[in-house]
Amino acid sequence: MNTLRSLAAAALCATVTGCFSPHTVVTRHFILTPATATAAATSGIRLGVGVVKMPDYLLSSSLAVRKNVGEISYLEGALWAERLDKGFARVLAANLSGMIPTDQVLLGAWHTDDVTLEVHVTVEQFDVDQGGTGILAAQWSITSPGGSKVLKSGESRLTKVGKSPASDSQNIAATLSELTATFSQTLAESVREVASR
């Protein structure tokens, strides 16, 4: 009986010690953040932001770092607090609301008579390399309600030199947020152009 108690105490001690060992990884959660909005009169444009399509490698909960053209690594203990495609759509909508500006931006599902224009985005690359340089490559289109007619479309390939993720994984979220803001500005200008026709 004493042997069993000794073994149980040793197992408990090992478990507790393991939980608080210096090798324990502290998990951090990150989100993309919108650009600071500028105050301006609202345009009256009613905009729908469709579901953002992203490649599967970006839908991991861990933050991705590009090691080379064909290799991605994921940071241990650095997670997205929301799915990256949903976070991108959320921040894009917030940015467009401030940059167009309009207080009528809808995400997800809507009726065709709820919007005057729709924005659709397919992301092909959205990551940061080991040195901290981020790339956003995406195709986009602005359509009439219901997507029946493409009014303007384009491709964007944006690069942003940021801080290395090796020093702080927060640098990935910061660089990708800045790329999203630059991309949003391109879309906002195109939305205004289409709406003025």
C-alpha atoms as a PDB file:
ATOM      1  CA  MET A   1       0.000   0.000   0.000  1.00  0.00           C
ATOM      2  CA  ASN A   2       2.842   2.363   0.895  1.00  0.00           C
ATOM      3  CA  THR A   3       4.499   1.560  -2.443  1.00  0.00           C
ATOM      4  CA  LEU A   4       1.334   2.515  -4.332  1.00  0.00           C
ATOM      5  CA  ARG A   5       1.080   5.781  -2.420  1.00  0.00           C
ATOM      6  CA  SER A   6       4.740   6.556  -3.139  1.00  0.00           C
ATOM      7  CA  LEU A   7       4.247   5.864  -6.847  1.00  0.00           C
ATOM      8  CA  ALA A   8       1.095   7.994  -6.957  1.00  0.00           C
ATOM      9  CA  ALA A   9       2.876  10.849  -5.173  1.00  0.00           C
ATOM     10  CA  ALA A  10       5.830  10.608  -7.579  1.00  0.00           C
ATOM     11  CA  ALA A  11       3.508  10.648 -10.616  1.00  0.00           C
ATOM     12  CA  LEU A  12       1.645  13.667  -9.254  1.00  0.00           C
ATOM     13  CA  CYS A  13       4.901  15.462  -8.548  1.00  0.00           C
ATOM     14  CA  ALA A  14       6.193  14.735 -12.086  1.00  0.00           C
ATOM     15  CA  THR A  15       2.921  15.953 -13.616  1.00  0.00           C
ATOM     16  CA  VAL A  16       2.894  19.181 -11.616  1.00  0.00           C
ATOM     17  CA  THR A  17       6.573  19.832 -12.291  1.00  0.00           C
ATOM     18  CA  GLY A  18       6.056  19.172 -15.997  1.00  0.00           C
ATOM     19  CA  CYS A  19       3.231  21.702 -16.128  1.00  0.00           C
ATOM     20  CA  PHE A  20       5.440  24.431 -14.735  1.00  0.00           C
ATOM     21  CA  SER A  21       8.702  23.517 -16.420  1.00  0.00           C
ATOM     22  CA  PRO A  22      10.610  26.204 -18.343  1.00  0.00           C
ATOM     23  CA  HIS A  23       9.737  24.359 -21.587  1.00  0.00           C
ATOM     24  CA  THR A  24       6.032  25.163 -21.299  1.00  0.00           C
ATOM     25  CA  VAL A  25       4.826  27.184 -24.304  1.00  0.00           C
ATOM     26  CA  VAL A  26       2.585  30.114 -23.465  1.00  0.00           C
ATOM     27  CA  THR A  27      -0.201  30.348 -26.042  1.00  0.00           C
ATOM     28  CA  ARG A  28      -0.984  33.793 -27.430  1.00  0.00           C
ATOM     29  CA  HIS A  29      -3.978  34.695 -29.600  1.00  0.00           C
ATOM     30  CA  PHE A  30      -3.934  37.387 -32.301  1.00  0.00           C
ATOM     31  CA  ILE A  31      -6.385  39.200 -34.562  1.00  0.00           C
ATOM     32  CA  LEU A  32      -6.061  41.463 -37.579  1.00  0.00           C
ATOM     33  CA  THR A  33      -6.838  45.077 -36.724  1.00  0.00           C
ATOM     34  CA  PRO A  34      -8.537  47.701 -38.909  1.00  0.00           C
ATOM     35  CA  ALA A  35      -6.894  50.938 -39.987  1.00  0.00           C
ATOM     36  CA  THR A  36      -7.777  54.092 -38.102  1.00  0.00           C
ATOM     37  CA  ALA A  37     -10.891  55.583 -39.684  1.00  0.00           C
ATOM     38  CA  THR A  38     -10.924  59.181 -40.844  1.00  0.00           C
ATOM     39  CA  ALA A  39     -14.013  61.280 -40.219  1.00  0.00           C
ATOM     40  CA  ALA A  40     -15.876  62.227 -43.401  1.00  0.00           C
ATOM     41  CA  ALA A  41     -19.412  62.584 -44.687  1.00  0.00           C
ATOM     42  CA  THR A  42     -20.957  59.226 -45.557  1.00  0.00           C
ATOM     43  CA  SER A  43     -21.307  58.492 -49.266  1.00  0.00           C
ATOM     44  CA  GLY A  44     -24.598  56.614 -49.169  1.00  0.00           C
ATOM     45  CA  ILE A  45     -23.036  53.592 -50.875  1.00  0.00           C
ATOM     46  CA  ARG A  46     -24.522  50.346 -49.571  1.00  0.00           C
ATOM     47  CA  LEU A  47     -21.792  47.713 -49.856  1.00  0.00           C
ATOM     48  CA  GLY A  48     -21.839  43.952 -49.399  1.00  0.00           C
ATOM     49  CA  VAL A  49     -18.534  42.209 -48.628  1.00  0.00           C
ATOM     50  CA  GLY A  50     -18.743  38.587 -49.720  1.00  0.00           C
ATOM     51  CA  VAL A  51     -17.132  35.550 -48.119  1.00  0.00           C
ATOM     52  CA  VAL A  52     -13.349  35.842 -48.559  1.00  0.00           C
ATOM     53  CA  LYS A  53     -11.792  32.755 -50.146  1.00  0.00           C
ATOM     54  CA  MET A  54      -8.355  31.665 -48.915  1.00  0.00           C
ATOM     55  CA  PRO A  55      -6.097  28.668 -49.539  1.00  0.00           C
ATOM     56  CA  ASP A  56      -6.235  25.899 -46.947  1.00  0.00           C
ATOM     57  CA  TYR A  57      -2.735  26.585 -45.614  1.00  0.00           C
ATOM     58  CA  LEU A  58      -4.008  29.890 -44.233  1.00  0.00           C
ATOM     59  CA  LEU A  59      -6.938  28.312 -42.422  1.00  0.00           C
ATOM     60  CA  SER A  60      -4.763  26.673 -39.759  1.00  0.00           C
ATOM     61  CA  SER A  61      -5.284  28.226 -36.353  1.00  0.00           C
ATOM     62  CA  SER A  62      -1.504  28.723 -35.996  1.00  0.00           C
ATOM     63  CA  LEU A  63       0.231  31.743 -37.531  1.00  0.00           C
ATOM     64  CA  ALA A  64       2.079  30.801 -40.724  1.00  0.00           C
ATOM     65  CA  VAL A  65       5.637  31.796 -41.593  1.00  0.00           C
ATOM     66  CA  ARG A  66       6.922  31.255 -45.137  1.00  0.00           C
ATOM     67  CA  LYS A  67      10.327  29.563 -45.086  1.00  0.00           C
ATOM     68  CA  ASN A  68      10.678  29.482 -48.896  1.00  0.00           C
ATOM     69  CA  VAL A  69       8.520  29.283 -52.025  1.00  0.00           C
ATOM     70  CA  GLY A  70       7.223  25.822 -51.228  1.00  0.00           C
ATOM     71  CA  GLU A  71       7.485  25.543 -47.434  1.00  0.00           C
ATOM     72  CA  ILE A  72       5.363  26.973 -44.628  1.00  0.00           C
ATOM     73  CA  SER A  73       6.009  26.586 -40.907  1.00  0.00           C
ATOM     74  CA  TYR A  74       3.534  27.280 -38.129  1.00  0.00           C
ATOM     75  CA  LEU A  75       4.456  29.033 -34.904  1.00  0.00           C
ATOM     76  CA  GLU A  76       3.972  27.036 -31.744  1.00  0.00           C
ATOM     77  CA  GLY A  77       1.924  28.955 -29.235  1.00  0.00           C
ATOM     78  CA  ALA A  78       0.873  31.737 -31.674  1.00  0.00           C
ATOM     79  CA  LEU A  79      -2.732  31.296 -32.770  1.00  0.00           C
ATOM     80  CA  TRP A  80      -5.352  33.303 -34.596  1.00  0.00           C
ATOM     81  CA  ALA A  81      -8.243  34.148 -32.286  1.00  0.00           C
ATOM     82  CA  GLU A  82     -10.605  33.795 -35.257  1.00  0.00           C
ATOM     83  CA  ARG A  83     -10.381  32.053 -38.619  1.00  0.00           C
ATOM     84  CA  LEU A  84      -8.148  34.164 -40.848  1.00  0.00           C
ATOM     85  CA  ASP A  85     -10.649  34.350 -43.718  1.00  0.00           C
ATOM     86  CA  LYS A  86     -13.319  35.672 -41.360  1.00  0.00           C
ATOM     87  CA  GLY A  87     -10.895  38.084 -39.702  1.00  0.00           C
ATOM     88  CA  PHE A  88      -9.776  39.383 -43.099  1.00  0.00           C
ATOM     89  CA  ALA A  89     -13.400  39.967 -44.166  1.00  0.00           C
ATOM     90  CA  ARG A  90     -14.196  41.701 -40.865  1.00  0.00           C
ATOM     91  CA  VAL A  91     -11.224  44.073 -41.126  1.00  0.00           C
ATOM     92  CA  LEU A  92     -11.784  44.678 -44.846  1.00  0.00           C
ATOM     93  CA  ALA A  93     -15.396  45.683 -44.118  1.00  0.00           C
ATOM     94  CA  ALA A  94     -14.317  48.004 -41.284  1.00  0.00           C
ATOM     95  CA  ASN A  95     -11.606  49.578 -43.446  1.00  0.00           C
ATOM     96  CA  LEU A  96     -13.955  50.094 -46.414  1.00  0.00           C
ATOM     97  CA  SER A  97     -16.544  51.650 -44.123  1.00  0.00           C
ATOM     98  CA  GLY A  98     -14.020  54.302 -43.058  1.00  0.00           C
ATOM     99  CA  MET A  99     -12.260  54.741 -46.409  1.00  0.00           C
ATOM    100  CA  ILE A 100     -15.228  55.045 -48.789  1.00  0.00           C
ATOM    101  CA  PRO A 101     -16.783  56.224 -46.352  1.00  0.00           C
ATOM    102  CA  THR A 102     -20.119  54.533 -45.682  1.00  0.00           C
ATOM    103  CA  ASP A 103     -21.925  53.314 -42.619  1.00  0.00           C
ATOM    104  CA  GLN A 104     -23.715  50.668 -44.669  1.00  0.00           C
ATOM    105  CA  VAL A 105     -21.354  47.722 -45.105  1.00  0.00           C
ATOM    106  CA  LEU A 106     -22.820  44.230 -44.803  1.00  0.00           C
ATOM    107  CA  LEU A 107     -20.899  40.980 -44.260  1.00  0.00           C
ATOM    108  CA  GLY A 108     -22.018  37.521 -45.283  1.00  0.00           C
ATOM    109  CA  ALA A 109     -25.610  37.113 -46.447  1.00  0.00           C
ATOM    110  CA  TRP A 110     -27.876  39.932 -47.586  1.00  0.00           C
ATOM    111  CA  HIS A 111     -30.780  40.521 -49.958  1.00  0.00           C
ATOM    112  CA  THR A 112     -29.874  41.999 -53.338  1.00  0.00           C
ATOM    113  CA  ASP A 113     -31.921  45.125 -52.623  1.00  0.00           C
ATOM    114  CA  ASP A 114     -29.937  45.705 -49.386  1.00  0.00           C
ATOM    115  CA  VAL A 115     -26.802  46.732 -51.296  1.00  0.00           C
ATOM    116  CA  THR A 116     -25.855  48.855 -54.304  1.00  0.00           C
ATOM    117  CA  LEU A 117     -22.506  47.108 -54.893  1.00  0.00           C
ATOM    118  CA  GLU A 118     -20.792  43.902 -53.830  1.00  0.00           C
ATOM    119  CA  VAL A 119     -17.086  43.186 -53.261  1.00  0.00           C
ATOM    120  CA  HIS A 120     -15.673  39.669 -53.704  1.00  0.00           C
ATOM    121  CA  VAL A 121     -12.095  38.682 -52.821  1.00  0.00           C
ATOM    122  CA  THR A 122     -10.025  35.546 -53.418  1.00  0.00           C
ATOM    123  CA  VAL A 123      -6.729  35.563 -51.521  1.00  0.00           C
ATOM    124  CA  GLU A 124      -3.883  33.534 -53.039  1.00  0.00           C
ATOM    125  CA  GLN A 125      -1.077  34.421 -50.599  1.00  0.00           C
ATOM    126  CA  PHE A 126      -1.197  36.202 -47.252  1.00  0.00           C
ATOM    127  CA  ASP A 127       1.817  35.480 -45.082  1.00  0.00           C
ATOM    128  CA  VAL A 128       5.093  36.759 -43.672  1.00  0.00           C
ATOM    129  CA  ASP A 129       8.554  35.325 -44.287  1.00  0.00           C
ATOM    130  CA  GLN A 130      11.228  34.694 -41.664  1.00  0.00           C
ATOM    131  CA  GLY A 131      12.717  38.155 -42.184  1.00  0.00           C
ATOM    132  CA  GLY A 132       9.371  39.880 -41.604  1.00  0.00           C
ATOM    133  CA  THR A 133       8.376  40.745 -45.184  1.00  0.00           C
ATOM    134  CA  GLY A 134       4.676  40.166 -45.787  1.00  0.00           C
ATOM    135  CA  ILE A 135       2.921  39.505 -49.085  1.00  0.00           C
ATOM    136  CA  LEU A 136      -0.763  39.800 -49.959  1.00  0.00           C
ATOM    137  CA  ALA A 137      -1.731  38.459 -53.378  1.00  0.00           C
ATOM    138  CA  ALA A 138      -5.438  38.555 -54.182  1.00  0.00           C
ATOM    139  CA  GLN A 139      -7.985  38.790 -56.966  1.00  0.00           C
ATOM    140  CA  TRP A 140     -10.990  41.032 -56.434  1.00  0.00           C
ATOM    141  CA  SER A 141     -14.154  42.110 -58.179  1.00  0.00           C
ATOM    142  CA  ILE A 142     -16.849  44.715 -57.674  1.00  0.00           C
ATOM    143  CA  THR A 143     -20.220  43.527 -58.932  1.00  0.00           C
ATOM    144  CA  SER A 144     -23.811  44.603 -59.171  1.00  0.00           C
ATOM    145  CA  PRO A 145     -26.154  43.226 -56.483  1.00  0.00           C
ATOM    146  CA  GLY A 146     -26.418  39.461 -56.772  1.00  0.00           C
ATOM    147  CA  GLY A 147     -23.090  39.287 -58.623  1.00  0.00           C
ATOM    148  CA  SER A 148     -24.871  39.290 -61.993  1.00  0.00           C
ATOM    149  CA  LYS A 149     -22.500  41.799 -63.590  1.00  0.00           C
ATOM    150  CA  VAL A 150     -18.799  42.455 -62.907  1.00  0.00           C
ATOM    151  CA  LEU A 151     -18.329  46.231 -62.883  1.00  0.00           C
ATOM    152  CA  LYS A 152     -14.604  46.238 -62.147  1.00  0.00           C
ATOM    153  CA  SER A 153     -12.023  43.609 -61.251  1.00  0.00           C
ATOM    154  CA  GLY A 154      -8.316  43.369 -60.669  1.00  0.00           C
ATOM    155  CA  GLU A 155      -5.377  41.613 -59.073  1.00  0.00           C
ATOM    156  CA  SER A 156      -3.252  42.996 -56.263  1.00  0.00           C
ATOM    157  CA  ARG A 157       0.192  41.882 -55.151  1.00  0.00           C
ATOM    158  CA  LEU A 158       1.337  43.934 -52.196  1.00  0.00           C
ATOM    159  CA  THR A 159       4.567  43.693 -50.212  1.00  0.00           C
ATOM    160  CA  LYS A 160       5.260  45.143 -46.782  1.00  0.00           C
ATOM    161  CA  VAL A 161       8.600  45.043 -44.975  1.00  0.00           C
ATOM    162  CA  GLY A 162       7.910  44.455 -41.297  1.00  0.00           C
ATOM    163  CA  LYS A 163       9.685  43.276 -38.184  1.00  0.00           C
ATOM    164  CA  SER A 164      10.877  39.683 -37.934  1.00  0.00           C
ATOM    165  CA  PRO A 165       8.445  37.231 -36.327  1.00  0.00           C
ATOM    166  CA  ALA A 166      11.432  35.683 -34.528  1.00  0.00           C
ATOM    167  CA  SER A 167      11.499  38.590 -32.062  1.00  0.00           C
ATOM    168  CA  ASP A 168       7.731  38.640 -31.464  1.00  0.00           C
ATOM    169  CA  SER A 169       4.955  36.733 -33.239  1.00  0.00           C
ATOM    170  CA  GLN A 170       2.767  39.846 -32.811  1.00  0.00           C
ATOM    171  CA  ASN A 171       4.796  41.286 -35.711  1.00  0.00           C
ATOM    172  CA  ILE A 172       3.001  38.922 -38.116  1.00  0.00           C
ATOM    173  CA  ALA A 173      -0.434  40.243 -37.170  1.00  0.00           C
ATOM    174  CA  ALA A 174       0.810  43.844 -37.400  1.00  0.00           C
ATOM    175  CA  THR A 175       2.329  43.389 -40.883  1.00  0.00           C
ATOM    176  CA  LEU A 176      -0.712  41.531 -42.218  1.00  0.00           C
ATOM    177  CA  SER A 177      -3.027  44.218 -40.787  1.00  0.00           C
ATOM    178  CA  GLU A 178      -1.039  46.900 -42.636  1.00  0.00           C
ATOM    179  CA  LEU A 179      -1.230  44.898 -45.869  1.00  0.00           C
ATOM    180  CA  THR A 180      -4.997  44.571 -45.412  1.00  0.00           C
ATOM    181  CA  ALA A 181      -5.257  48.347 -44.952  1.00  0.00           C
ATOM    182  CA  THR A 182      -3.333  49.019 -48.189  1.00  0.00           C
ATOM    183  CA  PHE A 183      -5.474  46.488 -50.061  1.00  0.00           C
ATOM    184  CA  SER A 184      -8.619  48.079 -48.589  1.00  0.00           C
ATOM    185  CA  GLN A 185      -7.539  51.490 -49.896  1.00  0.00           C
ATOM    186  CA  THR A 186      -7.235  50.082 -53.434  1.00  0.00           C
ATOM    187  CA  LEU A 187     -10.713  48.595 -53.175  1.00  0.00           C
ATOM    188  CA  ALA A 188     -12.199  51.743 -51.644  1.00  0.00           C
ATOM    189  CA  GLU A 189     -10.926  53.856 -54.544  1.00  0.00           C
ATOM    190  CA  SER A 190     -12.360  51.382 -57.055  1.00  0.00           C
ATOM    191  CA  VAL A 191     -15.727  51.249 -55.248  1.00  0.00           C
ATOM    192  CA  ARG A 192     -15.955  55.052 -55.304  1.00  0.00           C
ATOM    193  CA  GLU A 193     -15.055  55.077 -59.002  1.00  0.00           C
ATOM    194  CA  VAL A 194     -17.696  52.488 -59.896  1.00  0.00           C
ATOM    195  CA  ALA A 195     -20.337  54.199 -57.759  1.00  0.00           C
ATOM    196  CA  SER A 196     -19.729  57.551 -59.487  1.00  0.00           C
ATOM    197  CA  ARG A 197     -20.444  56.211 -62.990  1.00  0.00           C
END
